[in-house]
Amino acid sequence: MYINVSFDLICPWCYIGKRRLQRALGLRPAFTAELHWHPFLLNPTMPREGEDHKGYLLNKFGSEARVRRLLGAIETTGQSEEISFNFDDIETTPNTVDAHRLVRYAHEFGQDETVVEALFRAYFSEGRDIGSMSELCAIGCSVGLDGQAVQAHLESSTDIAWVQDQNEVSHRLGINGVPCFLINDEMALQGAHPAEIIARLLDAAAA
């Protein structure tokens, strides 16, 4: 079973969706799934240095009260998936192109899913800037990748065009929200639905 996951690394619902997909697969131990991670840029025009996180949220959602309500709901949902969201520690909303490039690089070593988890945790639980070259290299090293090789890759232009192309492909496919799970190129589900719903989609795809 092939599962293409369209996602962005600054999307808290993508983090929740990843955990729920993992739980769904745990509910169906007879299935063998191969995950492929595809960039979906929520902020394709984000400056390379990112933006102030609080200002970004206010601009996006309109008021501090609404931001607090939304983040509170996400924190509560995250607890049910054993995710500790620490939004107060986040200072920067990053440009995620390089983070997606790190995931792409890690795929060559079978470490892409591990890197995705590490990036989500670094950003949402530890408040680290995953648009920073030094942070990305440190995260790569933490999962066993060669730090110098990661830095050389990220300092090059390799896969920048691929990230942009994948983002455009997602939109052409009609994906307008993430996470989106496309199973065997036949059945799709958008949103961080409960694991039981994802498991039923897996059943339908297997059938």
N, C-alpha and C. Protein backbone atom coordinates (compact mmCIF):
# COMPACT_ATOMS: atom_id res chain seq x y z
N MET A 1 0.85 -1.17 0.00
CA MET A 1 0.00 0.00 0.00
C MET A 1 0.89 1.23 0.00
N TYR A 2 0.66 2.12 -0.97
CA TYR A 2 1.43 3.36 -1.07
C TYR A 2 0.57 4.52 -0.58
N ILE A 3 1.11 5.30 0.35
CA ILE A 3 0.38 6.44 0.89
C ILE A 3 1.19 7.70 0.63
N ASN A 4 0.67 8.57 -0.22
CA ASN A 4 1.29 9.85 -0.47
C ASN A 4 0.70 10.86 0.50
N VAL A 5 1.57 11.49 1.29
CA VAL A 5 1.13 12.45 2.30
C VAL A 5 1.54 13.85 1.86
N SER A 6 0.56 14.69 1.57
CA SER A 6 0.83 16.10 1.29
C SER A 6 0.72 16.84 2.61
N PHE A 7 1.74 17.65 2.93
CA PHE A 7 1.80 18.24 4.27
C PHE A 7 2.73 19.46 4.26
N ASP A 8 2.61 20.26 5.32
CA ASP A 8 3.60 21.30 5.56
C ASP A 8 4.05 21.19 7.00
N LEU A 9 5.29 21.53 7.24
CA LEU A 9 5.91 21.31 8.54
C LEU A 9 5.55 22.36 9.57
N ILE A 10 4.84 23.42 9.17
CA ILE A 10 4.36 24.39 10.16
C ILE A 10 2.86 24.24 10.40
N CYS A 11 2.29 23.15 9.91
CA CYS A 11 0.87 22.89 10.08
C CYS A 11 0.66 21.96 11.28
N PRO A 12 0.09 22.46 12.37
CA PRO A 12 -0.10 21.57 13.54
C PRO A 12 -1.03 20.41 13.25
N TRP A 13 -2.01 20.62 12.36
CA TRP A 13 -2.92 19.53 12.03
C TRP A 13 -2.22 18.44 11.23
N CYS A 14 -1.15 18.80 10.52
CA CYS A 14 -0.36 17.78 9.82
C CYS A 14 0.38 16.90 10.83
N TYR A 15 0.86 17.51 11.92
CA TYR A 15 1.51 16.74 12.97
C TYR A 15 0.50 15.78 13.61
N ILE A 16 -0.67 16.31 13.91
CA ILE A 16 -1.73 15.46 14.47
C ILE A 16 -2.12 14.37 13.47
N GLY A 17 -2.26 14.75 12.20
CA GLY A 17 -2.63 13.78 11.17
C GLY A 17 -1.61 12.68 11.02
N LYS A 18 -0.32 13.03 11.13
CA LYS A 18 0.73 12.01 11.04
C LYS A 18 0.57 10.99 12.16
N ARG A 19 0.36 11.47 13.37
CA ARG A 19 0.19 10.55 14.50
C ARG A 19 -1.06 9.67 14.32
N ARG A 20 -2.12 10.27 13.80
CA ARG A 20 -3.35 9.50 13.61
C ARG A 20 -3.19 8.48 12.49
N LEU A 21 -2.44 8.82 11.45
CA LEU A 21 -2.16 7.85 10.40
C LEU A 21 -1.37 6.68 10.99
N GLN A 22 -0.40 6.97 11.82
CA GLN A 22 0.38 5.90 12.45
C GLN A 22 -0.51 5.00 13.31
N ARG A 23 -1.44 5.61 14.04
CA ARG A 23 -2.36 4.81 14.86
C ARG A 23 -3.28 3.97 13.99
N ALA A 24 -3.72 4.54 12.85
CA ALA A 24 -4.58 3.80 11.93
C ALA A 24 -3.85 2.58 11.39
N LEU A 25 -2.60 2.76 11.05
CA LEU A 25 -1.81 1.63 10.55
C LEU A 25 -1.61 0.59 11.65
N GLY A 26 -1.51 1.06 12.89
CA GLY A 26 -1.41 0.13 14.02
C GLY A 26 -2.69 -0.68 14.21
N LEU A 27 -3.83 -0.10 13.82
CA LEU A 27 -5.10 -0.81 13.91
C LEU A 27 -5.25 -1.86 12.80
N ARG A 28 -4.39 -1.75 11.78
CA ARG A 28 -4.44 -2.68 10.64
C ARG A 28 -3.06 -3.31 10.45
N PRO A 29 -2.62 -4.15 11.38
CA PRO A 29 -1.26 -4.70 11.32
C PRO A 29 -1.01 -5.59 10.11
N ALA A 30 -2.06 -6.06 9.45
CA ALA A 30 -1.86 -6.91 8.27
C ALA A 30 -1.42 -6.10 7.06
N PHE A 31 -1.62 -4.76 7.10
CA PHE A 31 -1.26 -3.92 5.96
C PHE A 31 0.20 -3.48 6.07
N THR A 32 0.87 -3.49 4.93
CA THR A 32 2.21 -2.94 4.83
C THR A 32 2.13 -1.66 4.02
N ALA A 33 2.52 -0.55 4.62
CA ALA A 33 2.37 0.75 3.96
C ALA A 33 3.73 1.38 3.72
N GLU A 34 3.86 2.00 2.56
CA GLU A 34 5.05 2.78 2.22
C GLU A 34 4.62 4.24 2.09
N LEU A 35 5.19 5.09 2.95
CA LEU A 35 4.79 6.49 2.99
C LEU A 35 5.71 7.33 2.12
N HIS A 36 5.12 8.26 1.40
CA HIS A 36 5.88 9.23 0.59
C HIS A 36 5.41 10.62 0.97
N TRP A 37 6.37 11.50 1.28
CA TRP A 37 6.07 12.82 1.83
C TRP A 37 6.20 13.87 0.74
N HIS A 38 5.12 14.63 0.52
CA HIS A 38 5.08 15.62 -0.56
C HIS A 38 4.83 17.02 -0.01
N PRO A 39 5.68 17.98 -0.38
CA PRO A 39 5.53 19.34 0.14
C PRO A 39 4.24 20.01 -0.34
N PHE A 40 3.60 20.68 0.60
CA PHE A 40 2.47 21.58 0.33
C PHE A 40 2.79 22.86 1.09
N LEU A 41 3.07 23.93 0.38
CA LEU A 41 3.53 25.16 1.03
C LEU A 41 2.35 26.03 1.43
N LEU A 42 2.10 26.12 2.72
CA LEU A 42 1.01 26.97 3.19
C LEU A 42 1.33 28.44 2.96
N ASN A 43 2.62 28.77 2.94
CA ASN A 43 3.04 30.15 2.74
C ASN A 43 4.11 30.21 1.65
N PRO A 44 3.70 30.05 0.38
CA PRO A 44 4.69 29.98 -0.71
C PRO A 44 5.49 31.26 -0.90
N THR A 45 4.99 32.40 -0.40
CA THR A 45 5.71 33.66 -0.56
C THR A 45 6.41 34.08 0.74
N MET A 46 6.50 33.18 1.71
CA MET A 46 7.16 33.50 2.97
C MET A 46 8.61 33.92 2.74
N PRO A 47 9.06 35.04 3.32
CA PRO A 47 10.48 35.42 3.19
C PRO A 47 11.39 34.31 3.68
N ARG A 48 12.56 34.22 3.13
CA ARG A 48 13.48 33.15 3.48
C ARG A 48 13.80 33.15 4.98
N GLU A 49 13.84 34.36 5.58
CA GLU A 49 14.15 34.45 7.00
C GLU A 49 12.94 34.22 7.89
N GLY A 50 11.75 34.01 7.29
CA GLY A 50 10.55 33.79 8.05
C GLY A 50 9.93 35.07 8.56
N GLU A 51 8.92 34.94 9.44
CA GLU A 51 8.23 36.09 10.01
C GLU A 51 8.06 35.89 11.51
N ASP A 52 7.86 37.00 12.21
CA ASP A 52 7.52 36.93 13.63
C ASP A 52 6.26 36.09 13.81
N HIS A 53 6.32 35.12 14.70
CA HIS A 53 5.23 34.15 14.82
C HIS A 53 3.94 34.79 15.32
N LYS A 54 4.04 35.59 16.35
CA LYS A 54 2.83 36.21 16.89
C LYS A 54 2.18 37.15 15.87
N GLY A 55 3.01 37.92 15.17
CA GLY A 55 2.47 38.81 14.14
C GLY A 55 1.84 38.04 13.00
N TYR A 56 2.45 36.92 12.66
CA TYR A 56 1.91 36.08 11.59
C TYR A 56 0.52 35.55 11.96
N LEU A 57 0.38 35.08 13.20
CA LEU A 57 -0.91 34.53 13.64
C LEU A 57 -1.99 35.62 13.70
N LEU A 58 -1.62 36.78 14.19
CA LEU A 58 -2.59 37.88 14.26
C LEU A 58 -3.05 38.29 12.87
N ASN A 59 -2.11 38.35 11.94
CA ASN A 59 -2.46 38.71 10.57
C ASN A 59 -3.34 37.66 9.92
N LYS A 60 -3.11 36.40 10.27
CA LYS A 60 -3.85 35.29 9.66
C LYS A 60 -5.25 35.14 10.24
N PHE A 61 -5.37 35.31 11.57
CA PHE A 61 -6.63 35.01 12.24
C PHE A 61 -7.37 36.22 12.80
N GLY A 62 -6.73 37.39 12.81
CA GLY A 62 -7.47 38.61 13.06
C GLY A 62 -7.47 39.19 14.45
N SER A 63 -7.40 38.35 15.48
CA SER A 63 -7.45 38.88 16.84
C SER A 63 -6.74 37.92 17.79
N GLU A 64 -6.25 38.47 18.90
CA GLU A 64 -5.59 37.63 19.90
C GLU A 64 -6.55 36.61 20.50
N ALA A 65 -7.80 37.04 20.69
CA ALA A 65 -8.79 36.13 21.29
C ALA A 65 -9.01 34.92 20.39
N ARG A 66 -9.13 35.16 19.10
CA ARG A 66 -9.34 34.04 18.17
C ARG A 66 -8.11 33.15 18.12
N VAL A 67 -6.93 33.75 18.12
CA VAL A 67 -5.70 32.96 18.11
C VAL A 67 -5.65 32.06 19.34
N ARG A 68 -5.96 32.62 20.52
CA ARG A 68 -5.93 31.82 21.75
C ARG A 68 -6.92 30.66 21.69
N ARG A 69 -8.11 30.91 21.15
CA ARG A 69 -9.11 29.83 21.05
C ARG A 69 -8.62 28.72 20.13
N LEU A 70 -8.10 29.11 18.98
CA LEU A 70 -7.64 28.11 18.01
C LEU A 70 -6.47 27.30 18.55
N LEU A 71 -5.49 27.98 19.13
CA LEU A 71 -4.32 27.27 19.66
C LEU A 71 -4.70 26.40 20.85
N GLY A 72 -5.65 26.86 21.66
CA GLY A 72 -6.11 26.04 22.78
C GLY A 72 -6.75 24.76 22.30
N ALA A 73 -7.55 24.86 21.24
CA ALA A 73 -8.20 23.66 20.70
C ALA A 73 -7.17 22.69 20.14
N ILE A 74 -6.14 23.23 19.48
CA ILE A 74 -5.09 22.38 18.92
C ILE A 74 -4.30 21.69 20.04
N GLU A 75 -3.99 22.45 21.10
CA GLU A 75 -3.25 21.86 22.23
C GLU A 75 -4.04 20.72 22.85
N THR A 76 -5.35 20.91 23.01
CA THR A 76 -6.19 19.86 23.59
C THR A 76 -6.21 18.62 22.71
N THR A 77 -6.37 18.83 21.40
CA THR A 77 -6.37 17.70 20.48
C THR A 77 -5.01 17.00 20.47
N GLY A 78 -3.94 17.79 20.52
CA GLY A 78 -2.60 17.22 20.52
C GLY A 78 -2.36 16.31 21.70
N GLN A 79 -2.90 16.66 22.85
CA GLN A 79 -2.71 15.83 24.04
C GLN A 79 -3.25 14.42 23.83
N SER A 80 -4.34 14.31 23.07
CA SER A 80 -4.92 12.99 22.81
C SER A 80 -4.03 12.14 21.91
N GLU A 81 -3.09 12.81 21.21
CA GLU A 81 -2.16 12.08 20.34
C GLU A 81 -0.73 12.10 20.89
N GLU A 82 -0.61 12.43 22.18
CA GLU A 82 0.67 12.47 22.87
C GLU A 82 1.63 13.47 22.24
N ILE A 83 1.08 14.62 21.82
CA ILE A 83 1.87 15.72 21.28
C ILE A 83 1.79 16.89 22.25
N SER A 84 2.94 17.41 22.63
CA SER A 84 2.98 18.58 23.51
C SER A 84 3.24 19.82 22.65
N PHE A 85 2.18 20.54 22.32
CA PHE A 85 2.34 21.78 21.58
C PHE A 85 2.73 22.90 22.56
N ASN A 86 3.82 23.57 22.26
CA ASN A 86 4.28 24.69 23.08
C ASN A 86 4.35 25.93 22.20
N PHE A 87 3.20 26.47 21.87
CA PHE A 87 3.14 27.60 20.93
C PHE A 87 3.83 28.85 21.50
N ASP A 88 3.84 29.00 22.82
CA ASP A 88 4.46 30.18 23.41
C ASP A 88 5.96 30.23 23.16
N ASP A 89 6.57 29.07 22.90
CA ASP A 89 8.02 29.03 22.68
C ASP A 89 8.41 29.32 21.23
N ILE A 90 7.43 29.37 20.34
CA ILE A 90 7.72 29.60 18.92
C ILE A 90 7.87 31.09 18.67
N GLU A 91 9.02 31.50 18.17
CA GLU A 91 9.27 32.92 17.90
C GLU A 91 9.14 33.25 16.42
N THR A 92 9.40 32.28 15.55
CA THR A 92 9.44 32.54 14.12
C THR A 92 8.58 31.54 13.35
N THR A 93 7.77 32.06 12.43
CA THR A 93 7.11 31.20 11.44
C THR A 93 8.06 31.09 10.26
N PRO A 94 8.63 29.93 10.01
CA PRO A 94 9.71 29.83 9.03
C PRO A 94 9.23 29.62 7.60
N ASN A 95 10.11 29.89 6.68
CA ASN A 95 9.98 29.39 5.32
C ASN A 95 10.37 27.91 5.38
N THR A 96 9.52 27.03 4.86
CA THR A 96 9.74 25.58 5.05
C THR A 96 10.38 24.88 3.86
N VAL A 97 10.80 25.63 2.86
CA VAL A 97 11.38 24.98 1.67
C VAL A 97 12.59 24.13 2.05
N ASP A 98 13.50 24.67 2.85
CA ASP A 98 14.70 23.90 3.21
C ASP A 98 14.36 22.71 4.10
N ALA A 99 13.37 22.86 4.97
CA ALA A 99 12.96 21.72 5.80
C ALA A 99 12.42 20.59 4.93
N HIS A 100 11.63 20.93 3.91
CA HIS A 100 11.15 19.90 2.99
C HIS A 100 12.30 19.28 2.20
N ARG A 101 13.30 20.09 1.88
CA ARG A 101 14.48 19.56 1.19
C ARG A 101 15.22 18.57 2.08
N LEU A 102 15.24 18.83 3.38
CA LEU A 102 15.88 17.89 4.30
C LEU A 102 15.13 16.57 4.32
N VAL A 103 13.80 16.62 4.31
CA VAL A 103 13.01 15.39 4.26
C VAL A 103 13.31 14.62 2.98
N ARG A 104 13.39 15.33 1.87
CA ARG A 104 13.71 14.71 0.58
C ARG A 104 15.09 14.05 0.62
N TYR A 105 16.05 14.75 1.21
CA TYR A 105 17.41 14.20 1.33
C TYR A 105 17.40 12.95 2.21
N ALA A 106 16.68 13.01 3.31
CA ALA A 106 16.64 11.88 4.24
C ALA A 106 16.02 10.63 3.60
N HIS A 107 15.15 10.84 2.61
CA HIS A 107 14.51 9.71 1.92
C HIS A 107 15.56 8.78 1.31
N GLU A 108 16.68 9.34 0.84
CA GLU A 108 17.73 8.53 0.23
C GLU A 108 18.29 7.51 1.22
N PHE A 109 18.15 7.79 2.51
CA PHE A 109 18.71 6.93 3.55
C PHE A 109 17.62 6.22 4.36
N GLY A 110 16.39 6.29 3.86
CA GLY A 110 15.29 5.64 4.56
C GLY A 110 14.93 6.30 5.88
N GLN A 111 15.26 7.59 6.00
CA GLN A 111 15.04 8.30 7.26
C GLN A 111 14.03 9.43 7.12
N ASP A 112 13.24 9.44 6.05
CA ASP A 112 12.37 10.59 5.82
C ASP A 112 11.28 10.70 6.88
N GLU A 113 10.63 9.60 7.23
CA GLU A 113 9.58 9.68 8.24
C GLU A 113 10.17 10.08 9.60
N THR A 114 11.35 9.58 9.91
CA THR A 114 12.02 9.95 11.16
C THR A 114 12.32 11.44 11.19
N VAL A 115 12.76 11.98 10.07
CA VAL A 115 13.08 13.40 9.99
C VAL A 115 11.80 14.24 10.08
N VAL A 116 10.74 13.79 9.45
CA VAL A 116 9.46 14.51 9.56
C VAL A 116 9.05 14.63 11.02
N GLU A 117 9.10 13.52 11.74
CA GLU A 117 8.74 13.55 13.16
C GLU A 117 9.67 14.48 13.95
N ALA A 118 10.96 14.42 13.66
CA ALA A 118 11.93 15.25 14.37
C ALA A 118 11.70 16.73 14.10
N LEU A 119 11.35 17.07 12.87
CA LEU A 119 11.08 18.46 12.52
C LEU A 119 9.82 18.97 13.20
N PHE A 120 8.77 18.17 13.18
CA PHE A 120 7.55 18.56 13.88
C PHE A 120 7.83 18.80 15.37
N ARG A 121 8.52 17.87 15.98
CA ARG A 121 8.81 17.98 17.42
C ARG A 121 9.67 19.21 17.71
N ALA A 122 10.68 19.43 16.88
CA ALA A 122 11.57 20.58 17.08
C ALA A 122 10.80 21.89 17.01
N TYR A 123 9.89 22.00 16.06
CA TYR A 123 9.17 23.25 15.87
C TYR A 123 8.07 23.43 16.91
N PHE A 124 7.20 22.46 17.02
CA PHE A 124 6.00 22.62 17.83
C PHE A 124 6.22 22.38 19.33
N SER A 125 7.14 21.51 19.69
CA SER A 125 7.35 21.20 21.11
C SER A 125 8.55 21.92 21.70
N GLU A 126 9.56 22.21 20.86
CA GLU A 126 10.80 22.80 21.37
C GLU A 126 10.99 24.24 20.93
N GLY A 127 10.12 24.73 20.06
CA GLY A 127 10.20 26.12 19.63
C GLY A 127 11.42 26.46 18.80
N ARG A 128 11.98 25.49 18.11
CA ARG A 128 13.18 25.74 17.30
C ARG A 128 12.80 26.24 15.91
N ASP A 129 13.68 27.03 15.34
CA ASP A 129 13.44 27.62 14.02
C ASP A 129 13.86 26.64 12.94
N ILE A 130 12.91 25.93 12.36
CA ILE A 130 13.25 24.92 11.35
C ILE A 130 13.45 25.53 9.96
N GLY A 131 13.58 26.85 9.92
CA GLY A 131 14.04 27.51 8.71
C GLY A 131 15.51 27.83 8.78
N SER A 132 16.11 27.60 9.95
CA SER A 132 17.52 27.91 10.19
C SER A 132 18.41 26.77 9.71
N MET A 133 19.47 27.12 8.98
CA MET A 133 20.40 26.12 8.48
C MET A 133 21.02 25.33 9.63
N SER A 134 21.45 26.02 10.68
CA SER A 134 22.10 25.31 11.79
C SER A 134 21.14 24.36 12.48
N GLU A 135 19.89 24.76 12.64
CA GLU A 135 18.91 23.88 13.28
C GLU A 135 18.63 22.67 12.40
N LEU A 136 18.49 22.87 11.10
CA LEU A 136 18.22 21.75 10.20
C LEU A 136 19.38 20.76 10.20
N CYS A 137 20.61 21.26 10.21
CA CYS A 137 21.77 20.37 10.27
C CYS A 137 21.78 19.59 11.58
N ALA A 138 21.44 20.28 12.68
CA ALA A 138 21.41 19.60 13.98
C ALA A 138 20.35 18.53 14.01
N ILE A 139 19.19 18.82 13.42
CA ILE A 139 18.11 17.83 13.38
C ILE A 139 18.52 16.64 12.51
N GLY A 140 19.17 16.91 11.39
CA GLY A 140 19.67 15.82 10.55
C GLY A 140 20.65 14.94 11.30
N CYS A 141 21.56 15.56 12.04
CA CYS A 141 22.54 14.79 12.83
C CYS A 141 21.85 13.96 13.90
N SER A 142 20.78 14.50 14.48
CA SER A 142 20.11 13.82 15.59
C SER A 142 19.48 12.50 15.17
N VAL A 143 19.23 12.34 13.88
CA VAL A 143 18.65 11.08 13.40
C VAL A 143 19.68 10.22 12.68
N GLY A 144 20.95 10.64 12.76
CA GLY A 144 22.01 9.81 12.22
C GLY A 144 22.52 10.19 10.84
N LEU A 145 22.05 11.30 10.29
CA LEU A 145 22.57 11.75 9.00
C LEU A 145 23.90 12.47 9.20
N ASP A 146 24.71 12.49 8.16
CA ASP A 146 26.00 13.17 8.22
C ASP A 146 25.79 14.68 8.17
N GLY A 147 26.22 15.38 9.21
CA GLY A 147 25.96 16.81 9.32
C GLY A 147 26.57 17.62 8.19
N GLN A 148 27.81 17.30 7.82
CA GLN A 148 28.47 18.04 6.75
C GLN A 148 27.78 17.82 5.42
N ALA A 149 27.33 16.59 5.19
CA ALA A 149 26.63 16.28 3.94
C ALA A 149 25.28 17.00 3.89
N VAL A 150 24.58 17.04 5.03
CA VAL A 150 23.31 17.77 5.10
C VAL A 150 23.53 19.24 4.80
N GLN A 151 24.56 19.83 5.40
CA GLN A 151 24.83 21.25 5.18
C GLN A 151 25.17 21.53 3.72
N ALA A 152 25.98 20.67 3.12
CA ALA A 152 26.34 20.85 1.71
C ALA A 152 25.10 20.76 0.83
N HIS A 153 24.22 19.85 1.16
CA HIS A 153 22.98 19.69 0.38
C HIS A 153 22.13 20.94 0.49
N LEU A 154 21.95 21.44 1.72
CA LEU A 154 21.07 22.58 1.92
C LEU A 154 21.67 23.88 1.39
N GLU A 155 23.00 23.97 1.36
CA GLU A 155 23.64 25.17 0.82
C GLU A 155 23.63 25.19 -0.70
N SER A 156 23.34 24.03 -1.32
CA SER A 156 23.21 23.97 -2.78
C SER A 156 21.79 24.36 -3.17
N SER A 157 21.52 24.31 -4.45
CA SER A 157 20.16 24.58 -4.93
C SER A 157 19.38 23.29 -5.20
N THR A 158 19.97 22.16 -4.83
CA THR A 158 19.34 20.87 -5.11
C THR A 158 17.96 20.77 -4.44
N ASP A 159 16.99 20.36 -5.22
CA ASP A 159 15.62 20.08 -4.76
C ASP A 159 14.78 21.31 -4.46
N ILE A 160 15.31 22.51 -4.65
CA ILE A 160 14.46 23.70 -4.46
C ILE A 160 13.33 23.67 -5.49
N ALA A 161 13.70 23.42 -6.75
CA ALA A 161 12.68 23.37 -7.82
C ALA A 161 11.72 22.21 -7.58
N TRP A 162 12.23 21.11 -7.02
CA TRP A 162 11.36 19.95 -6.74
C TRP A 162 10.30 20.31 -5.72
N VAL A 163 10.67 21.02 -4.67
CA VAL A 163 9.69 21.42 -3.65
C VAL A 163 8.61 22.30 -4.28
N GLN A 164 9.03 23.26 -5.09
CA GLN A 164 8.06 24.14 -5.74
C GLN A 164 7.15 23.35 -6.69
N ASP A 165 7.74 22.42 -7.43
CA ASP A 165 6.96 21.62 -8.38
C ASP A 165 5.94 20.75 -7.64
N GLN A 166 6.37 20.13 -6.55
CA GLN A 166 5.46 19.28 -5.78
C GLN A 166 4.30 20.08 -5.21
N ASN A 167 4.58 21.30 -4.77
CA ASN A 167 3.52 22.17 -4.27
C ASN A 167 2.51 22.47 -5.38
N GLU A 168 3.00 22.74 -6.57
CA GLU A 168 2.10 23.03 -7.69
C GLU A 168 1.30 21.78 -8.09
N VAL A 169 1.93 20.62 -8.06
CA VAL A 169 1.24 19.37 -8.39
C VAL A 169 0.09 19.14 -7.41
N SER A 170 0.34 19.38 -6.12
CA SER A 170 -0.71 19.19 -5.11
C SER A 170 -1.92 20.06 -5.42
N HIS A 171 -1.68 21.31 -5.80
CA HIS A 171 -2.80 22.20 -6.12
C HIS A 171 -3.52 21.75 -7.39
N ARG A 172 -2.76 21.28 -8.37
CA ARG A 172 -3.40 20.81 -9.61
C ARG A 172 -4.26 19.58 -9.35
N LEU A 173 -3.89 18.79 -8.35
CA LEU A 173 -4.67 17.61 -7.99
C LEU A 173 -5.94 17.97 -7.21
N GLY A 174 -6.09 19.25 -6.90
CA GLY A 174 -7.27 19.70 -6.17
C GLY A 174 -7.11 19.68 -4.67
N ILE A 175 -5.90 19.47 -4.19
CA ILE A 175 -5.66 19.50 -2.75
C ILE A 175 -5.65 20.95 -2.29
N ASN A 176 -6.56 21.29 -1.40
CA ASN A 176 -6.63 22.67 -0.91
C ASN A 176 -6.49 22.76 0.60
N GLY A 177 -6.14 21.66 1.22
CA GLY A 177 -5.91 21.64 2.65
C GLY A 177 -5.08 20.43 3.03
N VAL A 178 -4.31 20.58 4.09
CA VAL A 178 -3.45 19.48 4.54
C VAL A 178 -3.67 19.23 6.02
N PRO A 179 -3.39 17.96 6.43
CA PRO A 179 -2.78 16.90 5.65
C PRO A 179 -3.77 16.30 4.65
N CYS A 180 -3.20 15.71 3.61
CA CYS A 180 -4.01 14.96 2.65
C CYS A 180 -3.32 13.62 2.42
N PHE A 181 -4.08 12.55 2.55
CA PHE A 181 -3.55 11.20 2.36
C PHE A 181 -4.14 10.61 1.08
N LEU A 182 -3.27 10.27 0.15
CA LEU A 182 -3.69 9.66 -1.11
C LEU A 182 -3.17 8.22 -1.11
N ILE A 183 -4.10 7.28 -1.13
CA ILE A 183 -3.73 5.88 -0.98
C ILE A 183 -3.82 5.16 -2.32
N ASN A 184 -2.68 4.57 -2.71
CA ASN A 184 -2.60 3.81 -3.97
C ASN A 184 -3.07 4.63 -5.17
N ASP A 185 -2.90 5.94 -5.10
CA ASP A 185 -3.29 6.85 -6.18
C ASP A 185 -4.77 6.74 -6.54
N GLU A 186 -5.58 6.26 -5.59
CA GLU A 186 -7.00 6.03 -5.89
C GLU A 186 -7.93 6.72 -4.91
N MET A 187 -7.61 6.67 -3.63
CA MET A 187 -8.52 7.20 -2.61
C MET A 187 -7.80 8.25 -1.79
N ALA A 188 -8.48 9.38 -1.56
CA ALA A 188 -7.86 10.49 -0.84
C ALA A 188 -8.72 10.91 0.35
N LEU A 189 -8.05 11.40 1.36
CA LEU A 189 -8.72 11.92 2.53
C LEU A 189 -7.97 13.17 2.98
N GLN A 190 -8.68 14.30 3.03
CA GLN A 190 -8.07 15.54 3.49
C GLN A 190 -8.47 15.82 4.93
N GLY A 191 -7.51 16.24 5.73
CA GLY A 191 -7.78 16.58 7.10
C GLY A 191 -7.24 15.56 8.08
N ALA A 192 -7.08 15.99 9.34
CA ALA A 192 -6.54 15.11 10.39
C ALA A 192 -7.68 14.35 11.06
N HIS A 193 -8.28 13.44 10.32
CA HIS A 193 -9.42 12.68 10.83
C HIS A 193 -8.97 11.66 11.87
N PRO A 194 -9.89 11.24 12.73
CA PRO A 194 -9.54 10.22 13.73
C PRO A 194 -8.98 8.96 13.09
N ALA A 195 -8.16 8.26 13.84
CA ALA A 195 -7.49 7.07 13.31
C ALA A 195 -8.48 6.04 12.78
N GLU A 196 -9.64 5.92 13.43
CA GLU A 196 -10.62 4.92 13.01
C GLU A 196 -11.16 5.21 11.60
N ILE A 197 -11.32 6.49 11.29
CA ILE A 197 -11.79 6.87 9.94
C ILE A 197 -10.71 6.59 8.91
N ILE A 198 -9.46 6.92 9.25
CA ILE A 198 -8.36 6.63 8.33
C ILE A 198 -8.24 5.13 8.11
N ALA A 199 -8.44 4.35 9.16
CA ALA A 199 -8.36 2.89 9.04
C ALA A 199 -9.42 2.36 8.09
N ARG A 200 -10.61 2.95 8.13
CA ARG A 200 -11.67 2.50 7.20
C ARG A 200 -11.30 2.83 5.76
N LEU A 201 -10.61 3.95 5.56
CA LEU A 201 -10.14 4.28 4.21
C LEU A 201 -9.09 3.27 3.75
N LEU A 202 -8.23 2.85 4.67
CA LEU A 202 -7.24 1.82 4.34
C LEU A 202 -7.93 0.52 3.93
N ASP A 203 -9.01 0.17 4.66
CA ASP A 203 -9.77 -1.03 4.31
C ASP A 203 -10.33 -0.93 2.90
N ALA A 204 -10.90 0.25 2.57
CA ALA A 204 -11.50 0.43 1.26
C ALA A 204 -10.44 0.36 0.16
N ALA A 205 -9.27 0.95 0.43
CA ALA A 205 -8.21 0.90 -0.57
C ALA A 205 -7.69 -0.52 -0.76
N ALA A 206 -7.60 -1.28 0.33
CA ALA A 206 -7.15 -2.66 0.23
C ALA A 206 -8.14 -3.52 -0.53
N ALA A 207 -9.42 -3.21 -0.37
CA ALA A 207 -10.46 -3.99 -1.05
C ALA A 207 -10.48 -3.71 -2.55
